[in-house]
Amino acid sequence: MKTLVAFYSLDGNTKSIAEAIAEALGDADILEIKPKKELTSSFLKYFWGGRQAFMKEKPELLPLEKNANDYDIIFVGTPVWSWTVSPPIRSFISQAKLKGKKIALFCCYEGNPGKTFEEMKKNA
């Protein structure tokens, strides 16, 4: 079975976990999801990122290097923004057509995961 670990990471925490999962699985491919317009300053990260998450926005993504349809098992990871899934992962989930795939979800958060997993499951 082909396995993919797809993730978005703004500060590197989710990336570290995604890499550890891929390494533990041994033969998993890894896919970093990147928005076309990345948030750069700390003010923008928290203000605009939180607003995008709260408004359930789906930003345009850079072209994906791997196609989720080519995999049987897909791990999807996100940081928690405003108690929910990050906007780039919301975009990925809506575009990737994950129905019928075996999915494993993971997230990074400092305070509370909120409804992150519920949102990811609902849209997958």
PDB file of N, CA and C in Angstrom:
ATOM      1  N   MET A   1       0.838  -1.183   0.000  1.00  0.00           N
ATOM      2  CA  MET A   1       0.000   0.000   0.000  1.00  0.00           C
ATOM      3  C   MET A   1       0.884   1.248   0.000  1.00  0.00           C
ATOM      4  N   LYS A   2       0.535   2.197  -0.842  1.00  0.00           N
ATOM      5  CA  LYS A   2       1.289   3.449  -0.905  1.00  0.00           C
ATOM      6  C   LYS A   2       0.752   4.418   0.136  1.00  0.00           C
ATOM      7  N   THR A   3       1.666   5.059   0.857  1.00  0.00           N
ATOM      8  CA  THR A   3       1.289   5.973   1.935  1.00  0.00           C
ATOM      9  C   THR A   3       1.878   7.354   1.682  1.00  0.00           C
ATOM     10  N   LEU A   4       1.059   8.373   1.956  1.00  0.00           N
ATOM     11  CA  LEU A   4       1.456   9.769   1.804  1.00  0.00           C
ATOM     12  C   LEU A   4       1.235  10.495   3.125  1.00  0.00           C
ATOM     13  N   VAL A   5       2.185  11.311   3.517  1.00  0.00           N
ATOM     14  CA  VAL A   5       2.034  12.194   4.672  1.00  0.00           C
ATOM     15  C   VAL A   5       1.989  13.614   4.116  1.00  0.00           C
ATOM     16  N   ALA A   6       0.791  14.205   4.107  1.00  0.00           N
ATOM     17  CA  ALA A   6       0.580  15.560   3.593  1.00  0.00           C
ATOM     18  C   ALA A   6       0.382  16.499   4.775  1.00  0.00           C
ATOM     19  N   PHE A   7       1.000  17.682   4.712  1.00  0.00           N
ATOM     20  CA  PHE A   7       0.911  18.591   5.854  1.00  0.00           C
ATOM     21  C   PHE A   7       1.112  20.031   5.403  1.00  0.00           C
ATOM     22  N   TYR A   8       0.663  20.938   6.263  1.00  0.00           N
ATOM     23  CA  TYR A   8       0.991  22.364   6.146  1.00  0.00           C
ATOM     24  C   TYR A   8       1.632  22.751   7.464  1.00  0.00           C
ATOM     25  N   SER A   9       2.695  23.547   7.400  1.00  0.00           N
ATOM     26  CA  SER A   9       3.377  23.990   8.608  1.00  0.00           C
ATOM     27  C   SER A   9       3.885  25.407   8.403  1.00  0.00           C
ATOM     28  N   LEU A  10       3.435  26.324   9.224  1.00  0.00           N
ATOM     29  CA  LEU A  10       3.885  27.707   9.119  1.00  0.00           C
ATOM     30  C   LEU A  10       5.195  27.916   9.877  1.00  0.00           C
ATOM     31  N   ASP A  11       5.277  27.382  11.083  1.00  0.00           N
ATOM     32  CA  ASP A  11       6.457  27.602  11.924  1.00  0.00           C
ATOM     33  C   ASP A  11       7.377  26.396  12.044  1.00  0.00           C
ATOM     34  N   GLY A  12       7.037  25.268  11.435  1.00  0.00           N
ATOM     35  CA  GLY A  12       7.906  24.101  11.437  1.00  0.00           C
ATOM     36  C   GLY A  12       7.511  22.983  12.384  1.00  0.00           C
ATOM     37  N   ASN A  13       6.573  23.224  13.303  1.00  0.00           N
ATOM     38  CA  ASN A  13       6.195  22.181  14.255  1.00  0.00           C
ATOM     39  C   ASN A  13       5.477  21.015  13.583  1.00  0.00           C
ATOM     40  N   THR A  14       4.492  21.321  12.746  1.00  0.00           N
ATOM     41  CA  THR A  14       3.753  20.264  12.057  1.00  0.00           C
ATOM     42  C   THR A  14       4.679  19.526  11.090  1.00  0.00           C
ATOM     43  N   LYS A  15       5.611  20.237  10.484  1.00  0.00           N
ATOM     44  CA  LYS A  15       6.576  19.609   9.578  1.00  0.00           C
ATOM     45  C   LYS A  15       7.415  18.576  10.325  1.00  0.00           C
ATOM     46  N   SER A  16       7.858  18.900  11.524  1.00  0.00           N
ATOM     47  CA  SER A  16       8.662  17.962  12.322  1.00  0.00           C
ATOM     48  C   SER A  16       7.890  16.680  12.610  1.00  0.00           C
ATOM     49  N   ILE A  17       6.624  16.826  12.949  1.00  0.00           N
ATOM     50  CA  ILE A  17       5.802  15.645  13.238  1.00  0.00           C
ATOM     51  C   ILE A  17       5.568  14.843  11.958  1.00  0.00           C
ATOM     52  N   ALA A  18       5.290  15.531  10.845  1.00  0.00           N
ATOM     53  CA  ALA A  18       5.070  14.844   9.569  1.00  0.00           C
ATOM     54  C   ALA A  18       6.302  14.042   9.166  1.00  0.00           C
ATOM     55  N   GLU A  19       7.472  14.626   9.324  1.00  0.00           N
ATOM     56  CA  GLU A  19       8.713  13.922   8.985  1.00  0.00           C
ATOM     57  C   GLU A  19       8.936  12.716   9.888  1.00  0.00           C
ATOM     58  N   ALA A  20       8.595  12.850  11.172  1.00  0.00           N
ATOM     59  CA  ALA A  20       8.743  11.724  12.106  1.00  0.00           C
ATOM     60  C   ALA A  20       7.780  10.589  11.741  1.00  0.00           C
ATOM     61  N   ILE A  21       6.554  10.933  11.338  1.00  0.00           N
ATOM     62  CA  ILE A  21       5.586   9.911  10.921  1.00  0.00           C
ATOM     63  C   ILE A  21       6.104   9.191   9.672  1.00  0.00           C
ATOM     64  N   ALA A  22       6.544   9.952   8.676  1.00  0.00           N
ATOM     65  CA  ALA A  22       7.048   9.357   7.437  1.00  0.00           C
ATOM     66  C   ALA A  22       8.247   8.448   7.710  1.00  0.00           C
ATOM     67  N   GLU A  23       9.123   8.885   8.590  1.00  0.00           N
ATOM     68  CA  GLU A  23      10.300   8.084   8.933  1.00  0.00           C
ATOM     69  C   GLU A  23       9.895   6.802   9.663  1.00  0.00           C
ATOM     70  N   ALA A  24       8.941   6.912  10.583  1.00  0.00           N
ATOM     71  CA  ALA A  24       8.488   5.732  11.327  1.00  0.00           C
ATOM     72  C   ALA A  24       7.811   4.715  10.412  1.00  0.00           C
ATOM     73  N   LEU A  25       7.123   5.204   9.391  1.00  0.00           N
ATOM     74  CA  LEU A  25       6.449   4.307   8.448  1.00  0.00           C
ATOM     75  C   LEU A  25       7.437   3.658   7.481  1.00  0.00           C
ATOM     76  N   GLY A  26       8.567   4.287   7.291  1.00  0.00           N
ATOM     77  CA  GLY A  26       9.621   3.714   6.468  1.00  0.00           C
ATOM     78  C   GLY A  26       9.538   4.038   4.991  1.00  0.00           C
ATOM     79  N   ASP A  27       8.409   3.770   4.368  1.00  0.00           N
ATOM     80  CA  ASP A  27       8.325   3.952   2.916  1.00  0.00           C
ATOM     81  C   ASP A  27       7.280   4.994   2.504  1.00  0.00           C
ATOM     82  N   ALA A  28       6.886   5.870   3.392  1.00  0.00           N
ATOM     83  CA  ALA A  28       5.874   6.886   3.080  1.00  0.00           C
ATOM     84  C   ALA A  28       6.490   8.061   2.324  1.00  0.00           C
ATOM     85  N   ASP A  29       5.728   8.585   1.382  1.00  0.00           N
ATOM     86  CA  ASP A  29       6.115   9.819   0.706  1.00  0.00           C
ATOM     87  C   ASP A  29       5.614  10.992   1.540  1.00  0.00           C
ATOM     88  N   ILE A  30       6.225  12.147   1.356  1.00  0.00           N
ATOM     89  CA  ILE A  30       5.841  13.328   2.115  1.00  0.00           C
ATOM     90  C   ILE A  30       5.484  14.460   1.148  1.00  0.00           C
ATOM     91  N   LEU A  31       4.444  15.212   1.495  1.00  0.00           N
ATOM     92  CA  LEU A  31       3.972  16.314   0.665  1.00  0.00           C
ATOM     93  C   LEU A  31       3.714  17.529   1.533  1.00  0.00           C
ATOM     94  N   GLU A  32       4.493  18.585   1.310  1.00  0.00           N
ATOM     95  CA  GLU A  32       4.272  19.828   2.049  1.00  0.00           C
ATOM     96  C   GLU A  32       3.310  20.705   1.245  1.00  0.00           C
ATOM     97  N   ILE A  33       2.203  21.055   1.860  1.00  0.00           N
ATOM     98  CA  ILE A  33       1.187  21.914   1.240  1.00  0.00           C
ATOM     99  C   ILE A  33       1.612  23.361   1.457  1.00  0.00           C
ATOM    100  N   LYS A  34       1.617  24.144   0.378  1.00  0.00           N
ATOM    101  CA  LYS A  34       2.025  25.545   0.504  1.00  0.00           C
ATOM    102  C   LYS A  34       1.020  26.446  -0.219  1.00  0.00           C
ATOM    103  N   PRO A  35       0.560  27.495   0.473  1.00  0.00           N
ATOM    104  CA  PRO A  35      -0.327  28.450  -0.205  1.00  0.00           C
ATOM    105  C   PRO A  35       0.483  29.332  -1.156  1.00  0.00           C
ATOM    106  N   LYS A  36      -0.178  29.850  -2.188  1.00  0.00           N
ATOM    107  CA  LYS A  36       0.517  30.751  -3.110  1.00  0.00           C
ATOM    108  C   LYS A  36       0.992  31.995  -2.379  1.00  0.00           C
ATOM    109  N   LYS A  37       0.173  32.485  -1.439  1.00  0.00           N
ATOM    110  CA  LYS A  37       0.512  33.683  -0.691  1.00  0.00           C
ATOM    111  C   LYS A  37       0.685  33.300   0.779  1.00  0.00           C
ATOM    112  N   GLU A  38       1.945  33.162   1.194  1.00  0.00           N
ATOM    113  CA  GLU A  38       2.244  32.761   2.572  1.00  0.00           C
ATOM    114  C   GLU A  38       2.220  33.973   3.494  1.00  0.00           C
ATOM    115  N   LEU A  39       1.784  33.761   4.719  1.00  0.00           N
ATOM    116  CA  LEU A  39       1.805  34.810   5.734  1.00  0.00           C
ATOM    117  C   LEU A  39       3.234  34.924   6.254  1.00  0.00           C
ATOM    118  N   THR A  40       3.765  36.150   6.308  1.00  0.00           N
ATOM    119  CA  THR A  40       5.173  36.297   6.652  1.00  0.00           C
ATOM    120  C   THR A  40       5.429  36.948   8.001  1.00  0.00           C
ATOM    121  N   SER A  41       4.841  38.090   8.277  1.00  0.00           N
ATOM    122  CA  SER A  41       5.138  38.760   9.544  1.00  0.00           C
ATOM    123  C   SER A  41       4.303  38.167  10.673  1.00  0.00           C
ATOM    124  N   SER A  42       4.776  38.323  11.914  1.00  0.00           N
ATOM    125  CA  SER A  42       4.033  37.753  13.031  1.00  0.00           C
ATOM    126  C   SER A  42       2.656  38.381  13.182  1.00  0.00           C
ATOM    127  N   PHE A  43       2.508  39.655  12.870  1.00  0.00           N
ATOM    128  CA  PHE A  43       1.178  40.275  12.934  1.00  0.00           C
ATOM    129  C   PHE A  43       0.249  39.611  11.929  1.00  0.00           C
ATOM    130  N   LEU A  44       0.716  39.439  10.696  1.00  0.00           N
ATOM    131  CA  LEU A  44      -0.113  38.811   9.666  1.00  0.00           C
ATOM    132  C   LEU A  44      -0.444  37.371  10.018  1.00  0.00           C
ATOM    133  N   LYS A  45       0.534  36.654  10.569  1.00  0.00           N
ATOM    134  CA  LYS A  45       0.297  35.257  10.929  1.00  0.00           C
ATOM    135  C   LYS A  45      -0.912  35.127  11.850  1.00  0.00           C
ATOM    136  N   TYR A  46      -0.942  35.930  12.871  1.00  0.00           N
ATOM    137  CA  TYR A  46      -1.994  35.773  13.867  1.00  0.00           C
ATOM    138  C   TYR A  46      -3.288  36.478  13.486  1.00  0.00           C
ATOM    139  N   PHE A  47      -3.198  37.644  12.907  1.00  0.00           N
ATOM    140  CA  PHE A  47      -4.408  38.374  12.550  1.00  0.00           C
ATOM    141  C   PHE A  47      -5.065  37.785  11.303  1.00  0.00           C
ATOM    142  N   TRP A  48      -4.333  37.772  10.184  1.00  0.00           N
ATOM    143  CA  TRP A  48      -4.913  37.294   8.929  1.00  0.00           C
ATOM    144  C   TRP A  48      -5.097  35.787   8.931  1.00  0.00           C
ATOM    145  N   GLY A  49      -4.154  35.065   9.507  1.00  0.00           N
ATOM    146  CA  GLY A  49      -4.295  33.616   9.580  1.00  0.00           C
ATOM    147  C   GLY A  49      -5.504  33.214  10.399  1.00  0.00           C
ATOM    148  N   GLY A  50      -5.682  33.857  11.553  1.00  0.00           N
ATOM    149  CA  GLY A  50      -6.845  33.577  12.390  1.00  0.00           C
ATOM    150  C   GLY A  50      -8.145  33.936  11.692  1.00  0.00           C
ATOM    151  N   ARG A  51      -8.131  35.063  10.985  1.00  0.00           N
ATOM    152  CA  ARG A  51      -9.325  35.500  10.244  1.00  0.00           C
ATOM    153  C   ARG A  51      -9.658  34.494   9.143  1.00  0.00           C
ATOM    154  N   GLN A  52      -8.643  34.056   8.392  1.00  0.00           N
ATOM    155  CA  GLN A  52      -8.869  33.080   7.320  1.00  0.00           C
ATOM    156  C   GLN A  52      -9.452  31.783   7.876  1.00  0.00           C
ATOM    157  N   ALA A  53      -8.921  31.334   8.999  1.00  0.00           N
ATOM    158  CA  ALA A  53      -9.409  30.095   9.607  1.00  0.00           C
ATOM    159  C   ALA A  53     -10.843  30.265  10.081  1.00  0.00           C
ATOM    160  N   PHE A  54     -11.112  31.368  10.763  1.00  0.00           N
ATOM    161  CA  PHE A  54     -12.450  31.625  11.290  1.00  0.00           C
ATOM    162  C   PHE A  54     -13.484  31.715  10.170  1.00  0.00           C
ATOM    163  N   MET A  55     -13.093  32.326   9.052  1.00  0.00           N
ATOM    164  CA  MET A  55     -14.004  32.516   7.917  1.00  0.00           C
ATOM    165  C   MET A  55     -14.027  31.288   6.992  1.00  0.00           C
ATOM    166  N   LYS A  56     -13.291  30.237   7.364  1.00  0.00           N
ATOM    167  CA  LYS A  56     -13.239  28.994   6.593  1.00  0.00           C
ATOM    168  C   LYS A  56     -12.799  29.222   5.139  1.00  0.00           C
ATOM    169  N   GLU A  57     -11.826  30.099   4.978  1.00  0.00           N
ATOM    170  CA  GLU A  57     -11.309  30.410   3.643  1.00  0.00           C
ATOM    171  C   GLU A  57     -10.470  29.261   3.102  1.00  0.00           C
ATOM    172  N   LYS A  58     -10.391  29.197   1.778  1.00  0.00           N
ATOM    173  CA  LYS A  58      -9.602  28.182   1.086  1.00  0.00           C
ATOM    174  C   LYS A  58      -8.650  28.894   0.129  1.00  0.00           C
ATOM    175  N   PRO A  59      -7.445  29.212   0.609  1.00  0.00           N
ATOM    176  CA  PRO A  59      -6.503  29.929  -0.252  1.00  0.00           C
ATOM    177  C   PRO A  59      -6.012  29.062  -1.413  1.00  0.00           C
ATOM    178  N   GLU A  60      -5.586  29.729  -2.466  1.00  0.00           N
ATOM    179  CA  GLU A  60      -5.018  29.027  -3.608  1.00  0.00           C
ATOM    180  C   GLU A  60      -3.675  28.427  -3.193  1.00  0.00           C
ATOM    181  N   LEU A  61      -3.424  27.208  -3.642  1.00  0.00           N
ATOM    182  CA  LEU A  61      -2.199  26.508  -3.282  1.00  0.00           C
ATOM    183  C   LEU A  61      -1.204  26.510  -4.442  1.00  0.00           C
ATOM    184  N   LEU A  62       0.066  26.397  -4.090  1.00  0.00           N
ATOM    185  CA  LEU A  62       1.082  26.144  -5.112  1.00  0.00           C
ATOM    186  C   LEU A  62       0.814  24.749  -5.686  1.00  0.00           C
ATOM    187  N   PRO A  63       1.245  24.489  -6.902  1.00  0.00           N
ATOM    188  CA  PRO A  63       1.022  23.153  -7.484  1.00  0.00           C
ATOM    189  C   PRO A  63       1.591  22.065  -6.563  1.00  0.00           C
ATOM    190  N   LEU A  64       0.821  20.995  -6.409  1.00  0.00           N
ATOM    191  CA  LEU A  64       1.223  19.891  -5.547  1.00  0.00           C
ATOM    192  C   LEU A  64       2.204  18.984  -6.279  1.00  0.00           C
ATOM    193  N   GLU A  65       3.231  18.548  -5.568  1.00  0.00           N
ATOM    194  CA  GLU A  65       4.261  17.694  -6.157  1.00  0.00           C
ATOM    195  C   GLU A  65       3.827  16.233  -6.248  1.00  0.00           C
ATOM    196  N   LYS A  66       2.775  15.875  -5.495  1.00  0.00           N
ATOM    197  CA  LYS A  66       2.274  14.501  -5.502  1.00  0.00           C
ATOM    198  C   LYS A  66       0.749  14.547  -5.586  1.00  0.00           C
ATOM    199  N   ASN A  67       0.174  13.488  -6.179  1.00  0.00           N
ATOM    200  CA  ASN A  67      -1.269  13.397  -6.343  1.00  0.00           C
ATOM    201  C   ASN A  67      -1.835  12.436  -5.301  1.00  0.00           C
ATOM    202  N   ALA A  68      -2.721  12.922  -4.451  1.00  0.00           N
ATOM    203  CA  ALA A  68      -3.307  12.095  -3.390  1.00  0.00           C
ATOM    204  C   ALA A  68      -4.026  10.878  -3.956  1.00  0.00           C
ATOM    205  N   ASN A  69      -4.520  10.960  -5.171  1.00  0.00           N
ATOM    206  CA  ASN A  69      -5.226   9.818  -5.784  1.00  0.00           C
ATOM    207  C   ASN A  69      -4.312   8.621  -6.014  1.00  0.00           C
ATOM    208  N   ASP A  70      -3.010   8.829  -5.996  1.00  0.00           N
ATOM    209  CA  ASP A  70      -2.050   7.753  -6.215  1.00  0.00           C
ATOM    210  C   ASP A  70      -1.744   6.952  -4.945  1.00  0.00           C
ATOM    211  N   TYR A  71      -2.374   7.297  -3.829  1.00  0.00           N
ATOM    212  CA  TYR A  71      -2.049   6.703  -2.535  1.00  0.00           C
ATOM    213  C   TYR A  71      -3.258   6.014  -1.914  1.00  0.00           C
ATOM    214  N   ASP A  72      -2.976   4.961  -1.148  1.00  0.00           N
ATOM    215  CA  ASP A  72      -4.025   4.210  -0.461  1.00  0.00           C
ATOM    216  C   ASP A  72      -4.292   4.762   0.934  1.00  0.00           C
ATOM    217  N   ILE A  73      -3.235   5.193   1.605  1.00  0.00           N
ATOM    218  CA  ILE A  73      -3.327   5.730   2.965  1.00  0.00           C
ATOM    219  C   ILE A  73      -2.737   7.135   2.948  1.00  0.00           C
ATOM    220  N   ILE A  74      -3.473   8.077   3.542  1.00  0.00           N
ATOM    221  CA  ILE A  74      -3.008   9.466   3.556  1.00  0.00           C
ATOM    222  C   ILE A  74      -3.089  10.018   4.977  1.00  0.00           C
ATOM    223  N   PHE A  75      -1.948  10.445   5.489  1.00  0.00           N
ATOM    224  CA  PHE A  75      -1.891  11.167   6.756  1.00  0.00           C
ATOM    225  C   PHE A  75      -2.013  12.646   6.403  1.00  0.00           C
ATOM    226  N   VAL A  76      -2.859  13.375   7.122  1.00  0.00           N
ATOM    227  CA  VAL A  76      -3.045  14.806   6.866  1.00  0.00           C
ATOM    228  C   VAL A  76      -2.799  15.554   8.166  1.00  0.00           C
ATOM    229  N   GLY A  77      -1.855  16.517   8.131  1.00  0.00           N
ATOM    230  CA  GLY A  77      -1.494  17.255   9.337  1.00  0.00           C
ATOM    231  C   GLY A  77      -1.635  18.748   9.173  1.00  0.00           C
ATOM    232  N   THR A  78      -2.041  19.389  10.257  1.00  0.00           N
ATOM    233  CA  THR A  78      -2.272  20.831  10.253  1.00  0.00           C
ATOM    234  C   THR A  78      -1.939  21.445  11.605  1.00  0.00           C
ATOM    235  N   PRO A  79      -1.507  22.705  11.606  1.00  0.00           N
ATOM    236  CA  PRO A  79      -1.495  23.435  12.870  1.00  0.00           C
ATOM    237  C   PRO A  79      -2.941  23.858  13.160  1.00  0.00           C
ATOM    238  N   VAL A  80      -3.243  24.112  14.408  1.00  0.00           N
ATOM    239  CA  VAL A  80      -4.584  24.588  14.771  1.00  0.00           C
ATOM    240  C   VAL A  80      -4.569  26.104  14.764  1.00  0.00           C
ATOM    241  N   TRP A  81      -5.467  26.685  13.980  1.00  0.00           N
ATOM    242  CA  TRP A  81      -5.623  28.138  13.920  1.00  0.00           C
ATOM    243  C   TRP A  81      -7.053  28.468  14.311  1.00  0.00           C
ATOM    244  N   SER A  82      -7.226  29.328  15.287  1.00  0.00           N
ATOM    245  CA  SER A  82      -8.564  29.732  15.748  1.00  0.00           C
ATOM    246  C   SER A  82      -9.426  28.509  16.044  1.00  0.00           C
ATOM    247  N   TRP A  83      -8.851  27.539  16.702  1.00  0.00           N
ATOM    248  CA  TRP A  83      -9.523  26.318  17.139  1.00  0.00           C
ATOM    249  C   TRP A  83     -10.055  25.468  15.989  1.00  0.00           C
ATOM    250  N   THR A  84      -9.422  25.573  14.816  1.00  0.00           N
ATOM    251  CA  THR A  84      -9.848  24.771  13.671  1.00  0.00           C
ATOM    252  C   THR A  84      -8.670  24.508  12.727  1.00  0.00           C
ATOM    253  N   VAL A  85      -8.956  23.865  11.619  1.00  0.00           N
ATOM    254  CA  VAL A  85      -7.961  23.495  10.626  1.00  0.00           C
ATOM    255  C   VAL A  85      -7.403  24.741   9.931  1.00  0.00           C
ATOM    256  N   SER A  86      -6.124  24.691   9.565  1.00  0.00           N
ATOM    257  CA  SER A  86      -5.512  25.826   8.858  1.00  0.00           C
ATOM    258  C   SER A  86      -6.100  25.933   7.443  1.00  0.00           C
ATOM    259  N   PRO A  87      -6.210  27.151   6.922  1.00  0.00           N
ATOM    260  CA  PRO A  87      -6.782  27.342   5.582  1.00  0.00           C
ATOM    261  C   PRO A  87      -6.093  26.547   4.464  1.00  0.00           C
ATOM    262  N   PRO A  88      -4.748  26.441   4.420  1.00  0.00           N
ATOM    263  CA  PRO A  88      -4.150  25.645   3.347  1.00  0.00           C
ATOM    264  C   PRO A  88      -4.575  24.170   3.372  1.00  0.00           C
ATOM    265  N   ILE A  89      -4.730  23.604   4.552  1.00  0.00           N
ATOM    266  CA  ILE A  89      -5.185  22.207   4.629  1.00  0.00           C
ATOM    267  C   ILE A  89      -6.657  22.114   4.256  1.00  0.00           C
ATOM    268  N   ARG A  90      -7.451  23.117   4.598  1.00  0.00           N
ATOM    269  CA  ARG A  90      -8.850  23.138   4.153  1.00  0.00           C
ATOM    270  C   ARG A  90      -8.897  23.106   2.620  1.00  0.00           C
ATOM    271  N   SER A  91      -8.020  23.881   1.969  1.00  0.00           N
ATOM    272  CA  SER A  91      -7.947  23.869   0.501  1.00  0.00           C
ATOM    273  C   SER A  91      -7.545  22.492  -0.014  1.00  0.00           C
ATOM    274  N   PHE A  92      -6.508  21.920   0.585  1.00  0.00           N
ATOM    275  CA  PHE A  92      -6.024  20.605   0.159  1.00  0.00           C
ATOM    276  C   PHE A  92      -7.121  19.553   0.271  1.00  0.00           C
ATOM    277  N   ILE A  93      -7.791  19.518   1.413  1.00  0.00           N
ATOM    278  CA  ILE A  93      -8.835  18.516   1.632  1.00  0.00           C
ATOM    279  C   ILE A  93      -9.955  18.673   0.602  1.00  0.00           C
ATOM    280  N   SER A  94     -10.316  19.908   0.293  1.00  0.00           N
ATOM    281  CA  SER A  94     -11.409  20.118  -0.664  1.00  0.00           C
ATOM    282  C   SER A  94     -11.006  19.749  -2.094  1.00  0.00           C
ATOM    283  N   GLN A  95      -9.724  19.827  -2.411  1.00  0.00           N
ATOM    284  CA  GLN A  95      -9.245  19.533  -3.765  1.00  0.00           C
ATOM    285  C   GLN A  95      -8.826  18.087  -3.960  1.00  0.00           C
ATOM    286  N   ALA A  96      -8.409  17.408  -2.916  1.00  0.00           N
ATOM    287  CA  ALA A  96      -7.745  16.107  -3.045  1.00  0.00           C
ATOM    288  C   ALA A  96      -8.679  14.919  -3.276  1.00  0.00           C
ATOM    289  N   LYS A  97      -9.963  15.085  -3.076  1.00  0.00           N
ATOM    290  CA  LYS A  97     -10.913  13.978  -3.277  1.00  0.00           C
ATOM    291  C   LYS A  97     -10.479  12.752  -2.467  1.00  0.00           C
ATOM    292  N   LEU A  98     -10.587  12.863  -1.157  1.00  0.00           N
ATOM    293  CA  LEU A  98     -10.107  11.829  -0.249  1.00  0.00           C
ATOM    294  C   LEU A  98     -11.148  10.758   0.064  1.00  0.00           C
ATOM    295  N   LYS A  99     -12.353  10.886  -0.455  1.00  0.00           N
ATOM    296  CA  LYS A  99     -13.405   9.901  -0.184  1.00  0.00           C
ATOM    297  C   LYS A  99     -12.922   8.511  -0.590  1.00  0.00           C
ATOM    298  N   GLY A 100     -13.159   7.534   0.293  1.00  0.00           N
ATOM    299  CA  GLY A 100     -12.777   6.164   0.015  1.00  0.00           C
ATOM    300  C   GLY A 100     -11.337   5.827   0.363  1.00  0.00           C
ATOM    301  N   LYS A 101     -10.559   6.824   0.751  1.00  0.00           N
ATOM    302  CA  LYS A 101      -9.162   6.598   1.141  1.00  0.00           C
ATOM    303  C   LYS A 101      -9.102   6.322   2.643  1.00  0.00           C
ATOM    304  N   LYS A 102      -8.059   5.629   3.065  1.00  0.00           N
ATOM    305  CA  LYS A 102      -7.797   5.481   4.494  1.00  0.00           C
ATOM    306  C   LYS A 102      -7.049   6.735   4.917  1.00  0.00           C
ATOM    307  N   ILE A 103      -7.607   7.458   5.883  1.00  0.00           N
ATOM    308  CA  ILE A 103      -7.076   8.754   6.302  1.00  0.00           C
ATOM    309  C   ILE A 103      -6.694   8.707   7.782  1.00  0.00           C
ATOM    310  N   ALA A 104      -5.548   9.287   8.105  1.00  0.00           N
ATOM    311  CA  ALA A 104      -5.126   9.487   9.488  1.00  0.00           C
ATOM    312  C   ALA A 104      -4.878  10.985   9.659  1.00  0.00           C
ATOM    313  N   LEU A 105      -5.419  11.566  10.700  1.00  0.00           N
ATOM    314  CA  LEU A 105      -5.313  13.007  10.930  1.00  0.00           C
ATOM    315  C   LEU A 105      -4.396  13.296  12.112  1.00  0.00           C
ATOM    316  N   PHE A 106      -3.636  14.381  12.009  1.00  0.00           N
ATOM    317  CA  PHE A 106      -2.850  14.840  13.151  1.00  0.00           C
ATOM    318  C   PHE A 106      -2.791  16.358  13.127  1.00  0.00           C
ATOM    319  N   CYS A 107      -2.592  16.937  14.315  1.00  0.00           N
ATOM    320  CA  CYS A 107      -2.505  18.393  14.396  1.00  0.00           C
ATOM    321  C   CYS A 107      -1.547  18.803  15.504  1.00  0.00           C
ATOM    322  N   CYS A 108      -1.090  20.053  15.418  1.00  0.00           N
ATOM    323  CA  CYS A 108      -0.222  20.655  16.426  1.00  0.00           C
ATOM    324  C   CYS A 108      -0.956  21.849  17.013  1.00  0.00           C
ATOM    325  N   TYR A 109      -0.927  21.968  18.322  1.00  0.00           N
ATOM    326  CA  TYR A 109      -1.584  23.104  18.956  1.00  0.00           C
ATOM    327  C   TYR A 109      -0.937  23.384  20.298  1.00  0.00           C
ATOM    328  N   GLU A 110      -1.073  24.627  20.705  1.00  0.00           N
ATOM    329  CA  GLU A 110      -0.501  25.018  21.986  1.00  0.00           C
ATOM    330  C   GLU A 110      -1.549  25.018  23.090  1.00  0.00           C
ATOM    331  N   GLY A 111      -2.775  25.372  22.746  1.00  0.00           N
ATOM    332  CA  GLY A 111      -3.784  25.496  23.786  1.00  0.00           C
ATOM    333  C   GLY A 111      -4.899  24.483  23.704  1.00  0.00           C
ATOM    334  N   ASN A 112      -5.626  24.455  22.591  1.00  0.00           N
ATOM    335  CA  ASN A 112      -6.827  23.647  22.490  1.00  0.00           C
ATOM    336  C   ASN A 112      -7.041  23.277  21.019  1.00  0.00           C
ATOM    337  N   PRO A 113      -7.260  21.993  20.716  1.00  0.00           N
ATOM    338  CA  PRO A 113      -7.477  21.612  19.323  1.00  0.00           C
ATOM    339  C   PRO A 113      -8.825  22.054  18.772  1.00  0.00           C
ATOM    340  N   GLY A 114      -9.732  22.473  19.664  1.00  0.00           N
ATOM    341  CA  GLY A 114     -11.031  22.955  19.205  1.00  0.00           C
ATOM    342  C   GLY A 114     -11.741  21.923  18.352  1.00  0.00           C
ATOM    343  N   LYS A 115     -12.210  22.357  17.191  1.00  0.00           N
ATOM    344  CA  LYS A 115     -12.971  21.481  16.299  1.00  0.00           C
ATOM    345  C   LYS A 115     -12.150  21.053  15.078  1.00  0.00           C
ATOM    346  N   THR A 116     -10.841  21.055  15.231  1.00  0.00           N
ATOM    347  CA  THR A 116      -9.953  20.756  14.113  1.00  0.00           C
ATOM    348  C   THR A 116     -10.270  19.407  13.465  1.00  0.00           C
ATOM    349  N   PHE A 117     -10.308  18.340  14.255  1.00  0.00           N
ATOM    350  CA  PHE A 117     -10.540  17.018  13.684  1.00  0.00           C
ATOM    351  C   PHE A 117     -11.952  16.891  13.122  1.00  0.00           C
ATOM    352  N   GLU A 118     -12.925  17.488  13.795  1.00  0.00           N
ATOM    353  CA  GLU A 118     -14.304  17.462  13.283  1.00  0.00           C
ATOM    354  C   GLU A 118     -14.375  18.117  11.911  1.00  0.00           C
ATOM    355  N   GLU A 119     -13.724  19.273  11.761  1.00  0.00           N
ATOM    356  CA  GLU A 119     -13.719  19.989  10.470  1.00  0.00           C
ATOM    357  C   GLU A 119     -13.014  19.168   9.397  1.00  0.00           C
ATOM    358  N   MET A 120     -11.887  18.561   9.755  1.00  0.00           N
ATOM    359  CA  MET A 120     -11.138  17.770   8.779  1.00  0.00           C
ATOM    360  C   MET A 120     -11.958  16.567   8.316  1.00  0.00           C
ATOM    361  N   LYS A 121     -12.584  15.867   9.250  1.00  0.00           N
ATOM    362  CA  LYS A 121     -13.401  14.701   8.913  1.00  0.00           C
ATOM    363  C   LYS A 121     -14.593  15.087   8.052  1.00  0.00           C
ATOM    364  N   LYS A 122     -15.235  16.185   8.409  1.00  0.00           N
ATOM    365  CA  LYS A 122     -16.434  16.629   7.691  1.00  0.00           C
ATOM    366  C   LYS A 122     -16.125  16.936   6.233  1.00  0.00           C
ATOM    367  N   ASN A 123     -14.953  17.492   5.972  1.00  0.00           N
ATOM    368  CA  ASN A 123     -14.608  17.927   4.623  1.00  0.00           C
ATOM    369  C   ASN A 123     -13.807  16.913   3.817  1.00  0.00           C
ATOM    370  N   ALA A 124     -13.354  15.844   4.458  1.00  0.00           N
ATOM    371  CA  ALA A 124     -12.533  14.845   3.748  1.00  0.00           C
ATOM    372  C   ALA A 124     -13.374  13.941   2.864  1.00  0.00           C
TER     373      ALA A 124
END
